[in-house]
Amino acid sequence: ANFEYGPVNLKEMTLAAAKELHAMKGPASPSQRTSLVPDALLDLEEQAEMHMAPSAPSEEREVRSEILAQMGVKSFKRFLKDRKVPEPKRAKCTTLQLNIGLYCNQACSHCHVESSPLRKEMMSQEVVDRCLLLLKNSPGVKYLDITGGAPELNDGFRRLVEGATALRESQKRELTIIDRCNLTVLLEPGQETLPNFLAEHKVHVIASLPSYEAEQTDKQRGRKIFERSVQGLRILNQHGYGEGIGLHLDLVFNPPGPFLPPQQCKLQKQYKKELGDAYGIKFDRLVTICNMP
């Protein structure tokens, strides 16, 4: 992957190496882009007890299962069985969701895949091509949902979007391409052309924003996140997103603790008012979710 100071082998990246890589070389000029990574690394150090050590996804599942078992939380299958609820039946697949890498310029305390600047898992070009072949041979799939990490920081992201766009046009099929965006990636060095790329390929942007207040957002996602998220939303608005011209921009709210979110329609109204009045930001809808433990 290409970073602010040139290519780096993510497999060799350590906390110290990452700090050296992203350290500022003197003060930045007002027009110079700076990476959020140094701040994310500081968040990782200060909140070390809240993050699991990076490990393979299968190992993470085992650790999380053990923790839940120690807390007396039953597995979902056992929960259904105890309540005599039939197991869910597999329906026709209409969505292909791809996690293309765990590398991220943020280190959110609530991230259920423990993404951060220290993660090195990335989808290879070969796997990207296999996914495009799968998509080509699956005409029933109506949604390509791309997530991460920060998926845009994976070298295969644009290849995947371009390939899906070509399939949509050549096969004359209904296919919505979704980018699960953290917003701050739009301001990373080297991502200057990203907003135009998303708009050109009519990518549906679904962006995380835990609150319309800076303090709560930064507490959950890290320092400077709210400020940069607002800048990212303004950039998307400038490219036509959320303006009712077919470029869809949705925001996502997830509660910062073990409780359910407010009623979605009421919270959406509040988000639109607060973000519109304070920052002139427009978006299409708000989605409320609860992260898996």
Protein backbone atom coordinates (compact mmCIF):
# COMPACT_ATOMS: atom_id res chain seq x y z
CA ALA A 1 0.00 0.00 0.00
CA ASN A 2 1.15 3.57 -0.63
CA PHE A 3 1.39 5.93 2.33
CA GLU A 4 2.32 9.53 2.95
CA TYR A 5 6.07 8.86 2.87
CA GLY A 6 6.17 6.08 0.30
CA PRO A 7 5.39 2.36 0.17
CA VAL A 8 5.73 0.26 3.31
CA ASN A 9 5.54 -3.47 3.92
CA LEU A 10 2.62 -3.69 6.34
CA LYS A 11 3.74 -7.11 7.56
CA GLU A 12 6.81 -5.51 9.10
CA MET A 13 4.96 -2.60 10.64
CA THR A 14 5.20 -2.17 14.39
CA LEU A 15 4.06 0.61 16.66
CA ALA A 16 7.53 2.19 16.63
CA ALA A 17 7.87 1.83 12.86
CA ALA A 18 4.43 3.31 12.32
CA LYS A 19 5.29 6.30 14.49
CA GLU A 20 8.48 6.91 12.54
CA LEU A 21 6.69 6.50 9.23
CA HIS A 22 3.96 9.01 10.01
CA ALA A 23 5.93 11.49 12.12
CA MET A 24 5.63 15.04 10.84
CA LYS A 25 8.79 16.33 9.14
CA GLY A 26 8.52 19.90 10.47
CA PRO A 27 5.37 22.04 10.66
CA ALA A 28 2.76 21.53 7.94
CA SER A 29 1.73 24.38 5.69
CA PRO A 30 -1.94 25.43 5.85
CA SER A 31 -2.63 23.69 2.51
CA GLN A 32 -0.62 20.53 3.25
CA ARG A 33 -2.56 17.39 4.05
CA THR A 34 -1.60 15.58 7.22
CA SER A 35 -2.40 12.02 8.21
CA LEU A 36 -4.63 11.11 11.13
CA VAL A 37 -2.47 8.05 11.82
CA PRO A 38 -0.17 9.67 14.43
CA ASP A 39 -3.22 10.64 16.50
CA ALA A 40 -4.68 7.14 16.12
CA LEU A 41 -1.43 5.67 17.42
CA LEU A 42 -1.61 7.92 20.47
CA ASP A 43 -5.19 6.76 21.05
CA LEU A 44 -4.01 3.15 20.85
CA GLU A 45 -1.36 3.78 23.51
CA GLU A 46 -3.72 5.59 25.86
CA GLN A 47 -6.55 3.06 25.46
CA ALA A 48 -4.46 -0.10 25.23
CA GLU A 49 -6.64 -1.94 27.74
CA MET A 50 -9.70 -1.42 25.52
CA HIS A 51 -8.15 -3.06 22.45
CA MET A 52 -7.35 -6.70 21.84
CA ALA A 53 -3.89 -7.53 20.53
CA PRO A 54 -3.96 -7.92 16.73
CA SER A 55 -4.59 -11.55 15.75
CA ALA A 56 -6.15 -13.60 12.99
CA PRO A 57 -9.97 -13.24 12.70
CA SER A 58 -10.47 -16.90 13.67
CA GLU A 59 -8.41 -16.39 16.84
CA GLU A 60 -10.36 -13.23 17.67
CA ARG A 61 -13.63 -15.14 17.42
CA GLU A 62 -12.35 -17.78 19.82
CA VAL A 63 -11.19 -15.16 22.35
CA ARG A 64 -14.48 -13.27 22.15
CA SER A 65 -16.47 -16.50 22.53
CA GLU A 66 -14.49 -17.39 25.66
CA ILE A 67 -15.06 -13.93 27.14
CA LEU A 68 -18.81 -14.13 26.49
CA ALA A 69 -18.94 -17.64 27.98
CA GLN A 70 -17.19 -16.40 31.14
CA MET A 71 -19.85 -13.69 31.39
CA GLY A 72 -22.59 -16.31 31.12
CA VAL A 73 -23.71 -15.18 27.67
CA LYS A 74 -25.01 -18.08 25.61
CA SER A 75 -24.26 -18.59 21.94
CA PHE A 76 -26.88 -17.33 19.50
CA LYS A 77 -27.74 -20.88 18.44
CA ARG A 78 -28.23 -21.95 22.08
CA PHE A 79 -30.26 -18.81 22.78
CA LEU A 80 -32.68 -19.71 19.97
CA LYS A 81 -32.87 -23.36 21.01
CA ASP A 82 -33.70 -22.52 24.63
CA ARG A 83 -36.59 -20.40 23.42
CA LYS A 84 -37.74 -23.03 20.93
CA VAL A 85 -37.18 -20.65 18.02
CA PRO A 86 -36.43 -22.46 14.73
CA GLU A 87 -32.98 -21.87 13.32
CA PRO A 88 -32.94 -19.25 10.55
CA LYS A 89 -33.11 -20.61 7.02
CA ARG A 90 -30.73 -19.42 4.37
CA ALA A 91 -32.48 -17.14 1.89
CA LYS A 92 -31.43 -16.12 -1.60
CA CYS A 93 -28.23 -14.09 -1.50
CA THR A 94 -28.67 -10.54 -2.76
CA THR A 95 -25.71 -8.86 -1.03
CA LEU A 96 -22.00 -9.57 -1.38
CA GLN A 97 -20.25 -7.92 1.56
CA LEU A 98 -16.46 -7.86 1.44
CA ASN A 99 -14.07 -6.87 4.21
CA ILE A 100 -11.03 -6.08 2.09
CA GLY A 101 -8.58 -5.24 4.87
CA LEU A 102 -8.20 -4.32 8.53
CA TYR A 103 -5.73 -1.47 8.03
CA CYS A 104 -7.33 1.83 9.09
CA ASN A 105 -6.21 5.39 9.77
CA GLN A 106 -8.34 5.32 12.95
CA ALA A 107 -8.40 3.13 16.06
CA CYS A 108 -11.99 3.31 17.34
CA SER A 109 -12.65 1.89 20.79
CA HIS A 110 -15.87 0.23 19.61
CA CYS A 111 -14.46 -1.40 16.45
CA HIS A 112 -15.54 -5.06 16.50
CA VAL A 113 -12.73 -6.12 14.12
CA GLU A 114 -10.02 -4.17 16.00
CA SER A 115 -8.93 -2.20 12.93
CA SER A 116 -6.07 0.27 13.38
CA PRO A 117 -2.90 1.58 11.71
CA LEU A 118 -1.13 -1.49 13.09
CA ARG A 119 -3.24 -4.10 11.30
CA LYS A 120 -1.61 -5.70 8.27
CA GLU A 121 -4.38 -7.86 6.78
CA MET A 122 -5.10 -6.77 3.19
CA MET A 123 -7.06 -8.42 0.38
CA SER A 124 -4.71 -9.35 -2.44
CA GLN A 125 -5.22 -8.44 -6.10
CA GLU A 126 -5.80 -12.14 -6.84
CA VAL A 127 -8.66 -12.30 -4.34
CA VAL A 128 -10.11 -9.05 -5.72
CA ASP A 129 -10.21 -10.63 -9.17
CA ARG A 130 -11.85 -13.77 -7.77
CA CYS A 131 -14.50 -11.63 -6.07
CA LEU A 132 -15.22 -9.85 -9.35
CA LEU A 133 -15.57 -13.23 -11.07
CA LEU A 134 -17.98 -14.33 -8.35
CA LEU A 135 -19.95 -11.13 -8.79
CA LYS A 136 -20.05 -11.60 -12.57
CA ASN A 137 -21.47 -15.11 -12.19
CA SER A 138 -24.00 -14.09 -9.52
CA PRO A 139 -26.65 -12.00 -11.30
CA GLY A 140 -28.93 -12.24 -8.26
CA VAL A 141 -26.54 -10.10 -6.21
CA LYS A 142 -27.92 -6.56 -6.11
CA TYR A 143 -25.51 -5.00 -3.60
CA LEU A 144 -21.73 -5.00 -3.38
CA ASP A 145 -20.96 -3.81 0.16
CA ILE A 146 -17.28 -2.94 0.67
CA THR A 147 -15.96 -2.50 4.20
CA GLY A 148 -12.78 -2.73 6.29
CA GLY A 149 -10.75 -1.22 8.11
CA ALA A 150 -10.72 1.78 5.88
CA PRO A 151 -11.39 -0.03 2.58
CA GLU A 152 -10.27 2.94 0.49
CA LEU A 153 -6.70 2.50 1.82
CA ASN A 154 -6.50 -0.97 0.25
CA ASP A 155 -4.83 -0.97 -3.18
CA GLY A 156 -7.60 -3.26 -4.44
CA PHE A 157 -10.46 -0.89 -3.55
CA ARG A 158 -10.51 1.10 -6.78
CA ARG A 159 -9.94 -2.01 -8.89
CA LEU A 160 -12.95 -3.61 -7.17
CA VAL A 161 -15.18 -0.56 -7.69
CA GLU A 162 -14.10 -0.12 -11.31
CA GLY A 163 -14.69 -3.82 -12.02
CA ALA A 164 -18.14 -3.77 -10.41
CA THR A 165 -19.08 -0.61 -12.33
CA ALA A 166 -18.01 -2.26 -15.60
CA LEU A 167 -20.15 -5.32 -14.78
CA ARG A 168 -23.13 -3.11 -13.95
CA GLU A 169 -22.86 -1.41 -17.32
CA SER A 170 -21.94 -4.40 -19.50
CA GLN A 171 -24.58 -6.69 -17.99
CA LYS A 172 -27.14 -3.88 -17.72
CA ARG A 173 -27.94 -5.08 -14.22
CA GLU A 174 -29.13 -3.50 -11.01
CA LEU A 175 -26.08 -3.29 -8.78
CA THR A 176 -25.53 -0.84 -5.93
CA ILE A 177 -21.90 -0.38 -4.90
CA ILE A 178 -21.56 0.60 -1.23
CA ASP A 179 -18.51 2.10 0.45
CA ARG A 180 -18.46 1.88 4.26
CA CYS A 181 -16.51 5.08 4.78
CA ASN A 182 -15.08 6.53 8.00
CA LEU A 183 -15.09 10.04 6.42
CA THR A 184 -11.62 10.98 7.73
CA VAL A 185 -10.01 8.88 4.99
CA LEU A 186 -11.15 11.56 2.52
CA LEU A 187 -8.54 13.88 4.06
CA GLU A 188 -5.62 11.46 4.10
CA PRO A 189 -2.59 12.35 1.98
CA GLY A 190 -2.83 10.57 -1.35
CA GLN A 191 -6.65 10.42 -1.28
CA GLU A 192 -7.25 13.77 -2.99
CA THR A 193 -9.03 12.12 -5.94
CA LEU A 194 -11.17 9.78 -3.82
CA PRO A 195 -14.35 11.95 -3.64
CA ASN A 196 -14.42 12.40 -7.40
CA PHE A 197 -13.77 8.67 -7.89
CA LEU A 198 -16.72 7.76 -5.67
CA ALA A 199 -19.03 10.18 -7.45
CA GLU A 200 -17.88 9.12 -10.92
CA HIS A 201 -18.73 5.49 -10.16
CA LYS A 202 -21.97 6.40 -8.38
CA VAL A 203 -20.86 4.69 -5.18
CA HIS A 204 -23.36 4.77 -2.33
CA VAL A 205 -21.49 6.11 0.70
CA ILE A 206 -22.49 4.88 4.16
CA ALA A 207 -20.46 6.82 6.71
CA SER A 208 -19.97 6.40 10.45
CA LEU A 209 -20.74 9.36 12.70
CA PRO A 210 -21.56 8.36 16.29
CA SER A 211 -22.82 11.80 17.28
CA TYR A 212 -23.50 15.31 16.03
CA GLU A 213 -21.45 16.52 19.02
CA ALA A 214 -17.65 16.65 18.86
CA GLU A 215 -16.96 15.46 22.41
CA GLN A 216 -18.97 12.25 22.15
CA THR A 217 -17.64 11.41 18.67
CA ASP A 218 -14.00 11.93 19.65
CA LYS A 219 -14.45 9.95 22.86
CA GLN A 220 -15.71 6.96 20.89
CA ARG A 221 -13.56 7.21 17.77
CA GLY A 222 -10.45 9.19 18.67
CA ARG A 223 -9.02 12.71 18.74
CA LYS A 224 -9.77 15.07 15.84
CA ILE A 225 -12.28 12.62 14.35
CA PHE A 226 -15.32 14.89 14.55
CA GLU A 227 -13.54 17.87 13.00
CA ARG A 228 -12.23 15.78 10.12
CA SER A 229 -15.56 13.98 9.70
CA VAL A 230 -17.31 17.32 9.23
CA GLN A 231 -14.71 18.29 6.64
CA GLY A 232 -15.24 14.95 4.90
CA LEU A 233 -19.01 15.42 4.81
CA ARG A 234 -18.59 18.89 3.34
CA ILE A 235 -16.33 17.49 0.63
CA LEU A 236 -18.94 14.85 -0.23
CA ASN A 237 -21.66 17.51 -0.37
CA GLN A 238 -19.49 19.54 -2.73
CA HIS A 239 -19.34 16.52 -5.04
CA GLY A 240 -23.13 16.15 -5.06
CA TYR A 241 -23.63 13.63 -2.28
CA GLY A 242 -26.75 14.12 -0.19
CA GLU A 243 -28.03 16.72 -2.64
CA GLY A 244 -30.83 14.61 -4.14
CA ILE A 245 -29.14 14.00 -7.51
CA GLY A 246 -28.66 10.24 -7.16
CA LEU A 247 -25.46 10.22 -5.10
CA HIS A 248 -26.60 8.70 -1.82
CA LEU A 249 -24.99 9.58 1.50
CA ASP A 250 -26.18 7.81 4.65
CA LEU A 251 -24.84 8.21 8.18
CA VAL A 252 -24.60 5.49 10.80
CA PHE A 253 -25.13 5.84 14.54
CA ASN A 254 -24.11 3.13 16.98
CA PRO A 255 -24.42 3.61 20.76
CA PRO A 256 -21.19 3.95 22.77
CA GLY A 257 -22.33 1.54 25.48
CA PRO A 258 -24.38 -1.64 26.14
CA PHE A 259 -27.76 -0.15 25.33
CA LEU A 260 -30.05 0.22 22.35
CA PRO A 261 -30.03 3.32 20.13
CA PRO A 262 -32.87 5.87 20.12
CA GLN A 263 -35.73 5.55 17.66
CA GLN A 264 -34.20 5.94 14.21
CA CYS A 265 -36.67 8.39 12.68
CA LYS A 266 -36.48 10.75 15.65
CA LEU A 267 -32.69 10.64 15.82
CA GLN A 268 -32.43 11.23 12.07
CA LYS A 269 -34.50 14.39 12.39
CA GLN A 270 -32.21 15.60 15.18
CA TYR A 271 -29.05 14.79 13.19
CA LYS A 272 -30.33 16.68 10.14
CA LYS A 273 -31.15 19.72 12.25
CA GLU A 274 -27.92 19.80 14.25
CA LEU A 275 -25.56 19.11 11.34
CA GLY A 276 -27.50 21.36 8.98
CA ASP A 277 -27.76 24.33 11.32
CA ALA A 278 -24.20 24.15 12.66
CA TYR A 279 -22.24 23.04 9.59
CA GLY A 280 -24.54 23.25 6.55
CA ILE A 281 -24.25 19.49 6.02
CA LYS A 282 -26.81 17.46 4.08
CA PHE A 283 -27.29 13.70 4.00
CA ASP A 284 -30.04 11.29 2.91
CA ARG A 285 -30.80 9.17 5.95
CA LEU A 286 -29.50 8.00 9.31
CA VAL A 287 -29.19 4.30 10.14
CA THR A 288 -29.01 3.18 13.77
CA ILE A 289 -27.21 -0.08 14.57
CA CYS A 290 -25.72 -1.99 17.50
CA ASN A 291 -22.24 -3.45 17.09
CA MET A 292 -21.81 -7.13 17.82
CA PRO A 293 -19.98 -7.76 21.13
